[in-house]
């Protein structure tokens, strides 16, 4: 029974990671910020990426996102 719970938790975690990665993958905010170099918004987004759970999930699932889209 413990093994089943462990597997279910891993599956739920994997699903949540993919959902967050999808949010980041389809988000246009980072590319928009990078088109405005040295702006306050771009600096805010650069800081935000350090702790953003969607960015961390994206890196885990897809690798580093090309931000200059």
C-alpha atoms as a PDB file:
ATOM      1  CA  UNK A   1       0.000   0.000   0.000  1.00  0.00           C
ATOM      2  CA  UNK A   2       2.862   2.404   0.788  1.00  0.00           C
ATOM      3  CA  UNK A   3       4.326   1.773  -2.643  1.00  0.00           C
ATOM      4  CA  UNK A   4       1.043   2.711  -4.313  1.00  0.00           C
ATOM      5  CA  UNK A   5       0.897   6.012  -2.402  1.00  0.00           C
ATOM      6  CA  UNK A   6       4.498   6.724  -3.290  1.00  0.00           C
ATOM      7  CA  UNK A   7       3.824   6.099  -6.990  1.00  0.00           C
ATOM      8  CA  UNK A   8       0.673   8.257  -6.884  1.00  0.00           C
ATOM      9  CA  UNK A   9       2.562  11.127  -5.266  1.00  0.00           C
ATOM     10  CA  UNK A  10       5.319  10.893  -7.891  1.00  0.00           C
ATOM     11  CA  UNK A  11       2.717  10.900 -10.672  1.00  0.00           C
ATOM     12  CA  UNK A  12       0.960  13.908  -9.156  1.00  0.00           C
ATOM     13  CA  UNK A  13       4.266  15.721  -8.799  1.00  0.00           C
ATOM     14  CA  UNK A  14       5.208  14.921 -12.388  1.00  0.00           C
ATOM     15  CA  UNK A  15       1.841  16.178 -13.638  1.00  0.00           C
ATOM     16  CA  UNK A  16       2.145  19.398 -11.615  1.00  0.00           C
ATOM     17  CA  UNK A  17       5.666  19.947 -12.963  1.00  0.00           C
ATOM     18  CA  UNK A  18       4.460  19.539 -16.549  1.00  0.00           C
ATOM     19  CA  UNK A  19       1.548  21.920 -15.969  1.00  0.00           C
ATOM     20  CA  UNK A  20       3.862  24.599 -14.554  1.00  0.00           C
ATOM     21  CA  UNK A  21       6.338  24.016 -17.390  1.00  0.00           C
ATOM     22  CA  UNK A  22       3.510  24.487 -19.899  1.00  0.00           C
ATOM     23  CA  UNK A  23       2.521  27.767 -18.260  1.00  0.00           C
ATOM     24  CA  UNK A  24       6.087  29.054 -18.601  1.00  0.00           C
ATOM     25  CA  UNK A  25       6.508  27.682 -22.127  1.00  0.00           C
ATOM     26  CA  UNK A  26       3.457  29.587 -23.359  1.00  0.00           C
ATOM     27  CA  UNK A  27       4.083  32.761 -21.388  1.00  0.00           C
ATOM     28  CA  UNK A  28       5.089  35.847 -23.347  1.00  0.00           C
ATOM     29  CA  UNK A  29       6.201  37.961 -20.396  1.00  0.00           C
ATOM     30  CA  UNK A  30       9.899  36.953 -20.336  1.00  0.00           C
ATOM     31  CA  UNK A  31      10.417  37.457 -24.091  1.00  0.00           C
ATOM     32  CA  UNK A  32       8.626  40.813 -23.853  1.00  0.00           C
ATOM     33  CA  UNK A  33      10.875  41.876 -20.978  1.00  0.00           C
ATOM     34  CA  UNK A  34      13.986  40.839 -22.893  1.00  0.00           C
ATOM     35  CA  UNK A  35      12.993  42.991 -25.878  1.00  0.00           C
ATOM     36  CA  UNK A  36      13.331  45.962 -23.513  1.00  0.00           C
ATOM     37  CA  UNK A  37      16.912  45.518 -22.227  1.00  0.00           C
ATOM     38  CA  UNK A  38      17.940  47.536 -19.197  1.00  0.00           C
ATOM     39  CA  UNK A  39      14.336  48.478 -18.430  1.00  0.00           C
ATOM     40  CA  UNK A  40      13.024  48.151 -14.901  1.00  0.00           C
ATOM     41  CA  UNK A  41      10.616  45.447 -16.089  1.00  0.00           C
ATOM     42  CA  UNK A  42      13.415  43.359 -17.604  1.00  0.00           C
ATOM     43  CA  UNK A  43      15.437  43.653 -14.400  1.00  0.00           C
ATOM     44  CA  UNK A  44      12.392  42.612 -12.377  1.00  0.00           C
ATOM     45  CA  UNK A  45      11.864  39.551 -14.584  1.00  0.00           C
ATOM     46  CA  UNK A  46      15.541  38.601 -14.383  1.00  0.00           C
ATOM     47  CA  UNK A  47      15.237  38.677 -10.582  1.00  0.00           C
ATOM     48  CA  UNK A  48      11.901  36.823 -10.697  1.00  0.00           C
ATOM     49  CA  UNK A  49      13.331  33.900 -12.700  1.00  0.00           C
ATOM     50  CA  UNK A  50      15.630  33.007  -9.814  1.00  0.00           C
ATOM     51  CA  UNK A  51      12.690  31.773  -7.730  1.00  0.00           C
ATOM     52  CA  UNK A  52       9.838  31.293 -10.225  1.00  0.00           C
ATOM     53  CA  UNK A  53       8.391  27.771  -9.878  1.00  0.00           C
ATOM     54  CA  UNK A  54       7.166  27.785 -13.486  1.00  0.00           C
ATOM     55  CA  UNK A  55      10.662  28.673 -14.772  1.00  0.00           C
ATOM     56  CA  UNK A  56      12.217  25.913 -12.638  1.00  0.00           C
ATOM     57  CA  UNK A  57       9.670  23.404 -13.962  1.00  0.00           C
ATOM     58  CA  UNK A  58      10.333  24.536 -17.540  1.00  0.00           C
ATOM     59  CA  UNK A  59      14.046  23.983 -17.166  1.00  0.00           C
ATOM     60  CA  UNK A  60      13.396  20.552 -15.665  1.00  0.00           C
ATOM     61  CA  UNK A  61      11.057  19.490 -18.498  1.00  0.00           C
ATOM     62  CA  UNK A  62      12.307  21.352 -21.608  1.00  0.00           C
ATOM     63  CA  UNK A  63      15.711  22.720 -20.735  1.00  0.00           C
ATOM     64  CA  UNK A  64      16.553  26.419 -20.867  1.00  0.00           C
ATOM     65  CA  UNK A  65      13.987  28.492 -22.755  1.00  0.00           C
ATOM     66  CA  UNK A  66      15.104  30.795 -25.534  1.00  0.00           C
ATOM     67  CA  UNK A  67      14.000  34.137 -24.127  1.00  0.00           C
ATOM     68  CA  UNK A  68      14.484  36.305 -27.189  1.00  0.00           C
ATOM     69  CA  UNK A  69      11.324  35.050 -28.917  1.00  0.00           C
END
